[in-house]
Amino acid sequence: MLKNLAKYFITFFITALIFSTAFYLSNYFNNKKTQDIKASEDQIAINLLSSETQFDILKQSSCDQLDDSILSDELDVLGGKLNSMENQIGASNTDVTQLKKYYSILQIKDYLLMSTFGKECHTKPVSIVYFYANDCKNCQKQGYVLTYLRSVYPELRVYSFDYNLDLSAVKTLISLNKVPTVLPALVIDNKTYDGFMSSDALDSIIKPLMSTSTKTIATSTKKL
C-alpha cells in the first residue's frame, strides 16, 4: 500500500513538474515575442517620424540625386517580421494586429512620399497596391507571384494591405480605389484588378510602365 502511494506521489510530482516547466517556458517565449512586437512598434513609430524628416531633407536635393528607396529597406524588414509573427502566434493575435496597423501606416506614408516625389520630379514610380485577406483562397499564391515580380523588377514597389484590417487609412484606400470584395485585388497605375493574376498577366502590365518610369527618371533634374 505504501509502495503504491509512493509511486502515485512520485508520478504526480513528475507530472506537475513537467506541466509547470512547460507552462513557464510557454509564458517565457510568449512574453519574449510580445516584447519583440512592442520593440517593432516603437521602431515603426520612429520610422514614421524619420520618413517625414528624410523627405524634408530630400527636398533640398535635385531630382537626379534621388532614387526610389526612401523606405524600402525598412518596409522589407518589417514585412518579414510581421509575416514571421503571424506564422508563430497567429494573425488574429492582438499584438500582431497592432503591428500590422503600424506597418500599414508606414506603407501608406511611403506610398504618399513616392507619389509626391513623382509629381514634383515628373517621374512615375511604379507600384502595386495589393489587398488580401487571411481567409482568401488565392492570396498566398498571389503573394508568391508578387515576390517573383519584385525579383525581376527590383525598383517595383509592392504595398500589401489586409482588406479586413480595422484601420481608417486602409478603408480609405479601399474606397478611393473602389476595391471589390473579390480578393486578391491589385491596384496598378490607378486601375483596380480583382481576382488572381498570373506573373505573365502582371508582367504585361508592369513592363511598359517600367520602361516609361526609367525614361522619366533619366531626364528629370528639377528641384523638389
C-alpha atoms as a PDB file:
ATOM      1  CA  MET A   1       0.000   0.000   0.000  1.00  0.00           C
ATOM      2  CA  LEU A   2       2.769   2.396   0.957  1.00  0.00           C
ATOM      3  CA  LYS A   3       4.662   1.490  -2.198  1.00  0.00           C
ATOM      4  CA  ASN A   4       1.632   2.332  -4.341  1.00  0.00           C
ATOM      5  CA  LEU A   5       1.182   5.642  -2.555  1.00  0.00           C
ATOM      6  CA  ALA A   6       4.840   6.430  -3.101  1.00  0.00           C
ATOM      7  CA  LYS A   7       4.502   5.615  -6.805  1.00  0.00           C
ATOM      8  CA  TYR A   8       1.416   7.796  -7.104  1.00  0.00           C
ATOM      9  CA  PHE A   9       3.186  10.637  -5.308  1.00  0.00           C
ATOM     10  CA  ILE A  10       6.287  10.380  -7.482  1.00  0.00           C
ATOM     11  CA  THR A  11       4.164  10.190 -10.657  1.00  0.00           C
ATOM     12  CA  PHE A  12       2.114  13.188  -9.532  1.00  0.00           C
ATOM     13  CA  PHE A  13       5.275  15.132  -8.665  1.00  0.00           C
ATOM     14  CA  ILE A  14       6.920  14.415 -12.031  1.00  0.00           C
ATOM     15  CA  THR A  15       3.722  15.263 -13.939  1.00  0.00           C
ATOM     16  CA  ALA A  16       3.320  18.516 -12.022  1.00  0.00           C
ATOM     17  CA  LEU A  17       6.967  19.386 -12.618  1.00  0.00           C
ATOM     18  CA  ILE A  18       6.678  18.751 -16.362  1.00  0.00           C
ATOM     19  CA  PHE A  19       3.456  20.757 -16.566  1.00  0.00           C
ATOM     20  CA  SER A  20       4.932  23.661 -14.570  1.00  0.00           C
ATOM     21  CA  THR A  21       8.084  23.696 -16.697  1.00  0.00           C
ATOM     22  CA  ALA A  22       6.081  23.642 -19.923  1.00  0.00           C
ATOM     23  CA  PHE A  23       3.794  26.410 -18.613  1.00  0.00           C
ATOM     24  CA  TYR A  24       6.796  28.532 -17.594  1.00  0.00           C
ATOM     25  CA  LEU A  25       8.557  28.079 -20.924  1.00  0.00           C
ATOM     26  CA  SER A  26       5.364  28.838 -22.849  1.00  0.00           C
ATOM     27  CA  ASN A  27       4.859  32.066 -20.907  1.00  0.00           C
ATOM     28  CA  TYR A  28       8.520  32.978 -21.282  1.00  0.00           C
ATOM     29  CA  PHE A  29       8.547  32.632 -25.066  1.00  0.00           C
ATOM     30  CA  ASN A  30       5.150  34.314 -25.455  1.00  0.00           C
ATOM     31  CA  ASN A  31       6.342  37.256 -23.361  1.00  0.00           C
ATOM     32  CA  LYS A  32       9.524  37.448 -25.398  1.00  0.00           C
ATOM     33  CA  LYS A  33       7.518  37.513 -28.637  1.00  0.00           C
ATOM     34  CA  THR A  34       5.307  40.255 -27.200  1.00  0.00           C
ATOM     35  CA  GLN A  35       8.378  42.253 -26.227  1.00  0.00           C
ATOM     36  CA  ASP A  36       9.743  41.833 -29.753  1.00  0.00           C
ATOM     37  CA  ILE A  37       6.449  43.120 -31.178  1.00  0.00           C
ATOM     38  CA  LYS A  38       6.467  46.112 -28.814  1.00  0.00           C
ATOM     39  CA  ALA A  39      10.021  46.891 -29.866  1.00  0.00           C
ATOM     40  CA  SER A  40       8.938  46.698 -33.502  1.00  0.00           C
ATOM     41  CA  GLU A  41       6.052  49.088 -32.827  1.00  0.00           C
ATOM     42  CA  ASP A  42       8.440  51.588 -31.242  1.00  0.00           C
ATOM     43  CA  GLN A  43      10.780  51.247 -34.200  1.00  0.00           C
ATOM     44  CA  ILE A  44       7.924  51.841 -36.645  1.00  0.00           C
ATOM     45  CA  ALA A  45       6.890  54.991 -34.778  1.00  0.00           C
ATOM     46  CA  ILE A  46      10.459  56.245 -35.157  1.00  0.00           C
ATOM     47  CA  ASN A  47      10.441  55.273 -38.842  1.00  0.00           C
ATOM     48  CA  LEU A  48       7.270  57.269 -39.459  1.00  0.00           C
ATOM     49  CA  LEU A  49       8.832  60.401 -37.996  1.00  0.00           C
ATOM     50  CA  SER A  50      12.122  59.654 -39.742  1.00  0.00           C
ATOM     51  CA  SER A  51      10.415  59.289 -43.116  1.00  0.00           C
ATOM     52  CA  GLU A  52       8.880  62.747 -42.852  1.00  0.00           C
ATOM     53  CA  THR A  53      12.198  64.266 -41.792  1.00  0.00           C
ATOM     54  CA  GLN A  54      14.026  62.380 -44.526  1.00  0.00           C
ATOM     55  CA  PHE A  55      11.693  63.700 -47.185  1.00  0.00           C
ATOM     56  CA  ASP A  56      12.245  67.272 -45.957  1.00  0.00           C
ATOM     57  CA  ILE A  57      15.972  66.670 -46.411  1.00  0.00           C
ATOM     58  CA  LEU A  58      15.436  65.217 -49.885  1.00  0.00           C
ATOM     59  CA  LYS A  59      13.530  68.347 -50.867  1.00  0.00           C
ATOM     60  CA  GLN A  60      16.838  70.171 -50.731  1.00  0.00           C
ATOM     61  CA  SER A  61      18.283  67.901 -53.408  1.00  0.00           C
ATOM     62  CA  SER A  62      17.788  67.891 -57.140  1.00  0.00           C
ATOM     63  CA  CYS A  63      15.708  65.099 -58.606  1.00  0.00           C
ATOM     64  CA  ASP A  64      18.648  63.442 -60.337  1.00  0.00           C
ATOM     65  CA  GLN A  65      20.258  62.885 -56.921  1.00  0.00           C
ATOM     66  CA  LEU A  66      17.297  60.862 -55.659  1.00  0.00           C
ATOM     67  CA  ASP A  67      16.321  57.238 -56.014  1.00  0.00           C
ATOM     68  CA  ASP A  68      13.182  55.333 -55.087  1.00  0.00           C
ATOM     69  CA  SER A  69      14.498  53.684 -51.933  1.00  0.00           C
ATOM     70  CA  ILE A  70      13.116  56.096 -49.351  1.00  0.00           C
ATOM     71  CA  LEU A  71      11.669  53.475 -47.044  1.00  0.00           C
ATOM     72  CA  SER A  72      12.073  50.229 -48.962  1.00  0.00           C
ATOM     73  CA  ASP A  73      14.648  48.671 -46.608  1.00  0.00           C
ATOM     74  CA  GLU A  74      12.531  49.364 -43.521  1.00  0.00           C
ATOM     75  CA  LEU A  75       9.430  48.027 -45.246  1.00  0.00           C
ATOM     76  CA  ASP A  76      11.176  44.808 -46.278  1.00  0.00           C
ATOM     77  CA  VAL A  77      12.493  44.134 -42.763  1.00  0.00           C
ATOM     78  CA  LEU A  78       9.212  44.920 -41.022  1.00  0.00           C
ATOM     79  CA  GLY A  79       7.194  42.992 -43.587  1.00  0.00           C
ATOM     80  CA  GLY A  80       9.306  39.913 -42.981  1.00  0.00           C
ATOM     81  CA  LYS A  81       8.990  40.287 -39.216  1.00  0.00           C
ATOM     82  CA  LEU A  82       5.212  40.688 -39.443  1.00  0.00           C
ATOM     83  CA  ASN A  83       4.927  37.574 -41.590  1.00  0.00           C
ATOM     84  CA  SER A  84       7.029  35.637 -39.093  1.00  0.00           C
ATOM     85  CA  MET A  85       4.900  36.829 -36.164  1.00  0.00           C
ATOM     86  CA  GLU A  86       1.695  35.867 -37.963  1.00  0.00           C
ATOM     87  CA  ASN A  87       3.016  32.343 -38.519  1.00  0.00           C
ATOM     88  CA  GLN A  88       4.258  31.957 -34.950  1.00  0.00           C
ATOM     89  CA  ILE A  89       1.413  33.334 -32.832  1.00  0.00           C
ATOM     90  CA  GLY A  90      -1.453  33.757 -35.299  1.00  0.00           C
ATOM     91  CA  ALA A  91      -2.799  36.544 -37.495  1.00  0.00           C
ATOM     92  CA  SER A  92      -5.652  37.226 -35.059  1.00  0.00           C
ATOM     93  CA  ASN A  93      -3.318  37.911 -32.123  1.00  0.00           C
ATOM     94  CA  THR A  94      -3.924  41.420 -30.722  1.00  0.00           C
ATOM     95  CA  ASP A  95      -0.244  42.378 -30.767  1.00  0.00           C
ATOM     96  CA  VAL A  96       0.183  41.098 -34.315  1.00  0.00           C
ATOM     97  CA  THR A  97      -2.841  43.130 -35.423  1.00  0.00           C
ATOM     98  CA  GLN A  98      -1.363  46.221 -33.786  1.00  0.00           C
ATOM     99  CA  LEU A  99       1.950  45.640 -35.564  1.00  0.00           C
ATOM    100  CA  LYS A 100       0.071  45.193 -38.848  1.00  0.00           C
ATOM    101  CA  LYS A 101      -1.599  48.579 -38.337  1.00  0.00           C
ATOM    102  CA  TYR A 102       1.731  50.293 -37.760  1.00  0.00           C
ATOM    103  CA  TYR A 103       3.192  48.558 -40.798  1.00  0.00           C
ATOM    104  CA  SER A 104       0.210  49.570 -42.931  1.00  0.00           C
ATOM    105  CA  ILE A 105       0.616  53.212 -41.897  1.00  0.00           C
ATOM    106  CA  LEU A 106       4.299  53.079 -42.783  1.00  0.00           C
ATOM    107  CA  GLN A 107       3.443  51.651 -46.201  1.00  0.00           C
ATOM    108  CA  ILE A 108       0.866  54.377 -46.856  1.00  0.00           C
ATOM    109  CA  LYS A 109       3.387  57.010 -45.790  1.00  0.00           C
ATOM    110  CA  ASP A 110       5.931  55.624 -48.241  1.00  0.00           C
ATOM    111  CA  TYR A 111       3.281  55.452 -50.982  1.00  0.00           C
ATOM    112  CA  LEU A 112       2.382  59.124 -50.453  1.00  0.00           C
ATOM    113  CA  LEU A 113       6.017  60.200 -50.332  1.00  0.00           C
ATOM    114  CA  MET A 114       6.756  58.434 -53.595  1.00  0.00           C
ATOM    115  CA  SER A 115       3.654  59.938 -55.215  1.00  0.00           C
ATOM    116  CA  THR A 116       4.808  63.416 -54.208  1.00  0.00           C
ATOM    117  CA  PHE A 117       8.298  62.661 -55.443  1.00  0.00           C
ATOM    118  CA  GLY A 118       6.869  61.524 -58.767  1.00  0.00           C
ATOM    119  CA  LYS A 119       4.761  64.645 -59.252  1.00  0.00           C
ATOM    120  CA  GLU A 120       7.491  67.089 -58.267  1.00  0.00           C
ATOM    121  CA  CYS A 121      10.202  65.402 -60.312  1.00  0.00           C
ATOM    122  CA  HIS A 122       7.973  64.497 -63.274  1.00  0.00           C
ATOM    123  CA  THR A 123       8.732  60.812 -62.794  1.00  0.00           C
ATOM    124  CA  LYS A 124       6.375  57.884 -62.493  1.00  0.00           C
ATOM    125  CA  PRO A 125       7.353  55.434 -59.738  1.00  0.00           C
ATOM    126  CA  VAL A 126       5.772  52.052 -60.444  1.00  0.00           C
ATOM    127  CA  SER A 127       3.888  50.414 -57.607  1.00  0.00           C
ATOM    128  CA  ILE A 128       1.333  47.705 -56.927  1.00  0.00           C
ATOM    129  CA  VAL A 129      -1.143  48.117 -54.093  1.00  0.00           C
ATOM    130  CA  TYR A 130      -2.181  44.619 -53.064  1.00  0.00           C
ATOM    131  CA  PHE A 131      -5.232  43.772 -50.957  1.00  0.00           C
ATOM    132  CA  TYR A 132      -5.532  40.347 -49.346  1.00  0.00           C
ATOM    133  CA  ALA A 133      -7.372  38.543 -46.566  1.00  0.00           C
ATOM    134  CA  ASN A 134      -6.206  35.768 -44.260  1.00  0.00           C
ATOM    135  CA  ASP A 135      -9.044  33.507 -45.414  1.00  0.00           C
ATOM    136  CA  CYS A 136      -8.562  34.285 -49.115  1.00  0.00           C
ATOM    137  CA  LYS A 137      -8.061  31.148 -51.214  1.00  0.00           C
ATOM    138  CA  ASN A 138      -5.659  32.566 -53.829  1.00  0.00           C
ATOM    139  CA  CYS A 139      -3.992  35.335 -51.830  1.00  0.00           C
ATOM    140  CA  GLN A 140      -0.965  33.296 -50.794  1.00  0.00           C
ATOM    141  CA  LYS A 141      -0.400  32.284 -54.403  1.00  0.00           C
ATOM    142  CA  GLN A 142      -0.757  35.939 -55.463  1.00  0.00           C
ATOM    143  CA  GLY A 143       1.835  36.881 -52.853  1.00  0.00           C
ATOM    144  CA  TYR A 144       4.326  34.441 -54.398  1.00  0.00           C
ATOM    145  CA  VAL A 145       3.745  35.994 -57.825  1.00  0.00           C
ATOM    146  CA  LEU A 146       4.359  39.492 -56.465  1.00  0.00           C
ATOM    147  CA  THR A 147       7.535  38.347 -54.727  1.00  0.00           C
ATOM    148  CA  TYR A 148       8.732  36.919 -58.030  1.00  0.00           C
ATOM    149  CA  LEU A 149       7.962  40.180 -59.858  1.00  0.00           C
ATOM    150  CA  ARG A 150       9.964  42.132 -57.313  1.00  0.00           C
ATOM    151  CA  SER A 151      12.947  39.897 -58.036  1.00  0.00           C
ATOM    152  CA  VAL A 152      12.540  40.670 -61.763  1.00  0.00           C
ATOM    153  CA  TYR A 153      11.969  44.393 -61.180  1.00  0.00           C
ATOM    154  CA  PRO A 154      13.873  45.448 -58.008  1.00  0.00           C
ATOM    155  CA  GLU A 155      12.595  49.016 -58.399  1.00  0.00           C
ATOM    156  CA  LEU A 156       8.967  47.860 -58.283  1.00  0.00           C
ATOM    157  CA  ARG A 157       7.239  48.776 -55.034  1.00  0.00           C
ATOM    158  CA  VAL A 158       4.579  46.447 -53.655  1.00  0.00           C
ATOM    159  CA  TYR A 159       2.314  47.617 -50.833  1.00  0.00           C
ATOM    160  CA  SER A 160       0.233  44.891 -49.192  1.00  0.00           C
ATOM    161  CA  PHE A 161      -2.826  45.560 -47.044  1.00  0.00           C
ATOM    162  CA  ASP A 162      -5.190  43.317 -45.113  1.00  0.00           C
ATOM    163  CA  TYR A 163      -8.599  44.105 -46.613  1.00  0.00           C
ATOM    164  CA  ASN A 164     -10.312  43.407 -43.284  1.00  0.00           C
ATOM    165  CA  LEU A 165      -7.936  45.447 -41.119  1.00  0.00           C
ATOM    166  CA  ASP A 166      -9.830  47.878 -38.900  1.00  0.00           C
ATOM    167  CA  LEU A 167      -7.800  50.938 -39.880  1.00  0.00           C
ATOM    168  CA  SER A 168      -9.401  54.062 -41.354  1.00  0.00           C
ATOM    169  CA  ALA A 169      -6.466  54.797 -43.655  1.00  0.00           C
ATOM    170  CA  VAL A 170      -6.729  51.344 -45.256  1.00  0.00           C
ATOM    171  CA  LYS A 171     -10.503  51.674 -45.570  1.00  0.00           C
ATOM    172  CA  THR A 172      -9.941  54.996 -47.358  1.00  0.00           C
ATOM    173  CA  LEU A 173      -7.600  53.328 -49.844  1.00  0.00           C
ATOM    174  CA  ILE A 174     -10.212  50.651 -50.477  1.00  0.00           C
ATOM    175  CA  SER A 175     -12.932  53.249 -51.002  1.00  0.00           C
ATOM    176  CA  LEU A 176     -10.926  55.571 -53.261  1.00  0.00           C
ATOM    177  CA  ASN A 177      -9.773  52.712 -55.488  1.00  0.00           C
ATOM    178  CA  LYS A 178     -13.192  51.015 -55.458  1.00  0.00           C
ATOM    179  CA  VAL A 179     -11.594  47.735 -54.407  1.00  0.00           C
ATOM    180  CA  PRO A 180     -14.164  44.909 -54.611  1.00  0.00           C
ATOM    181  CA  THR A 181     -14.659  42.193 -52.027  1.00  0.00           C
ATOM    182  CA  VAL A 182     -13.331  39.641 -54.534  1.00  0.00           C
ATOM    183  CA  LEU A 183      -9.772  39.007 -53.391  1.00  0.00           C
ATOM    184  CA  PRO A 184      -6.931  39.159 -54.116  1.00  0.00           C
ATOM    185  CA  ALA A 185      -7.200  42.645 -55.605  1.00  0.00           C
ATOM    186  CA  LEU A 186      -4.461  44.790 -57.130  1.00  0.00           C
ATOM    187  CA  VAL A 187      -4.268  48.486 -57.920  1.00  0.00           C
ATOM    188  CA  ILE A 188      -1.759  49.302 -60.667  1.00  0.00           C
ATOM    189  CA  ASP A 189      -1.439  52.694 -62.328  1.00  0.00           C
ATOM    190  CA  ASN A 190      -4.790  53.803 -60.839  1.00  0.00           C
ATOM    191  CA  LYS A 191      -6.576  50.734 -62.236  1.00  0.00           C
ATOM    192  CA  THR A 192      -8.090  48.069 -59.992  1.00  0.00           C
ATOM    193  CA  TYR A 193      -7.943  44.375 -60.861  1.00  0.00           C
ATOM    194  CA  ASP A 194      -9.840  41.746 -58.897  1.00  0.00           C
ATOM    195  CA  GLY A 195      -9.058  38.062 -58.627  1.00  0.00           C
ATOM    196  CA  PHE A 196      -5.787  36.188 -59.011  1.00  0.00           C
ATOM    197  CA  MET A 197      -3.379  37.425 -61.717  1.00  0.00           C
ATOM    198  CA  SER A 198      -0.558  35.305 -63.114  1.00  0.00           C
ATOM    199  CA  SER A 199       3.027  36.519 -63.429  1.00  0.00           C
ATOM    200  CA  ASP A 200       2.645  36.755 -67.225  1.00  0.00           C
ATOM    201  CA  ALA A 201      -0.511  38.858 -66.945  1.00  0.00           C
ATOM    202  CA  LEU A 202       1.112  41.208 -64.457  1.00  0.00           C
ATOM    203  CA  ASP A 203       4.352  41.403 -66.402  1.00  0.00           C
ATOM    204  CA  SER A 204       2.426  42.566 -69.489  1.00  0.00           C
ATOM    205  CA  ILE A 205       1.138  45.487 -67.395  1.00  0.00           C
ATOM    206  CA  ILE A 206       4.288  46.280 -65.418  1.00  0.00           C
ATOM    207  CA  LYS A 207       6.903  46.098 -68.175  1.00  0.00           C
ATOM    208  CA  PRO A 208       5.603  49.092 -70.217  1.00  0.00           C
ATOM    209  CA  LEU A 209       5.236  51.124 -67.019  1.00  0.00           C
ATOM    210  CA  MET A 210       8.807  50.336 -66.030  1.00  0.00           C
ATOM    211  CA  SER A 211      10.038  51.482 -69.408  1.00  0.00           C
ATOM    212  CA  THR A 212       8.220  54.808 -69.050  1.00  0.00           C
ATOM    213  CA  SER A 213       9.415  55.249 -65.477  1.00  0.00           C
ATOM    214  CA  THR A 214      13.060  54.708 -66.435  1.00  0.00           C
ATOM    215  CA  LYS A 215      12.865  57.319 -69.189  1.00  0.00           C
ATOM    216  CA  THR A 216      11.274  59.988 -66.993  1.00  0.00           C
ATOM    217  CA  ILE A 217      13.728  59.437 -64.140  1.00  0.00           C
ATOM    218  CA  ALA A 218      16.664  59.692 -66.522  1.00  0.00           C
ATOM    219  CA  THR A 219      15.516  63.043 -67.927  1.00  0.00           C
ATOM    220  CA  SER A 220      14.315  64.684 -64.691  1.00  0.00           C
ATOM    221  CA  THR A 221      16.668  67.152 -62.996  1.00  0.00           C
ATOM    222  CA  LYS A 222      14.394  69.785 -61.411  1.00  0.00           C
ATOM    223  CA  LYS A 223      14.489  70.738 -57.745  1.00  0.00           C
ATOM    224  CA  LEU A 224      11.868  69.284 -55.441  1.00  0.00           C
END
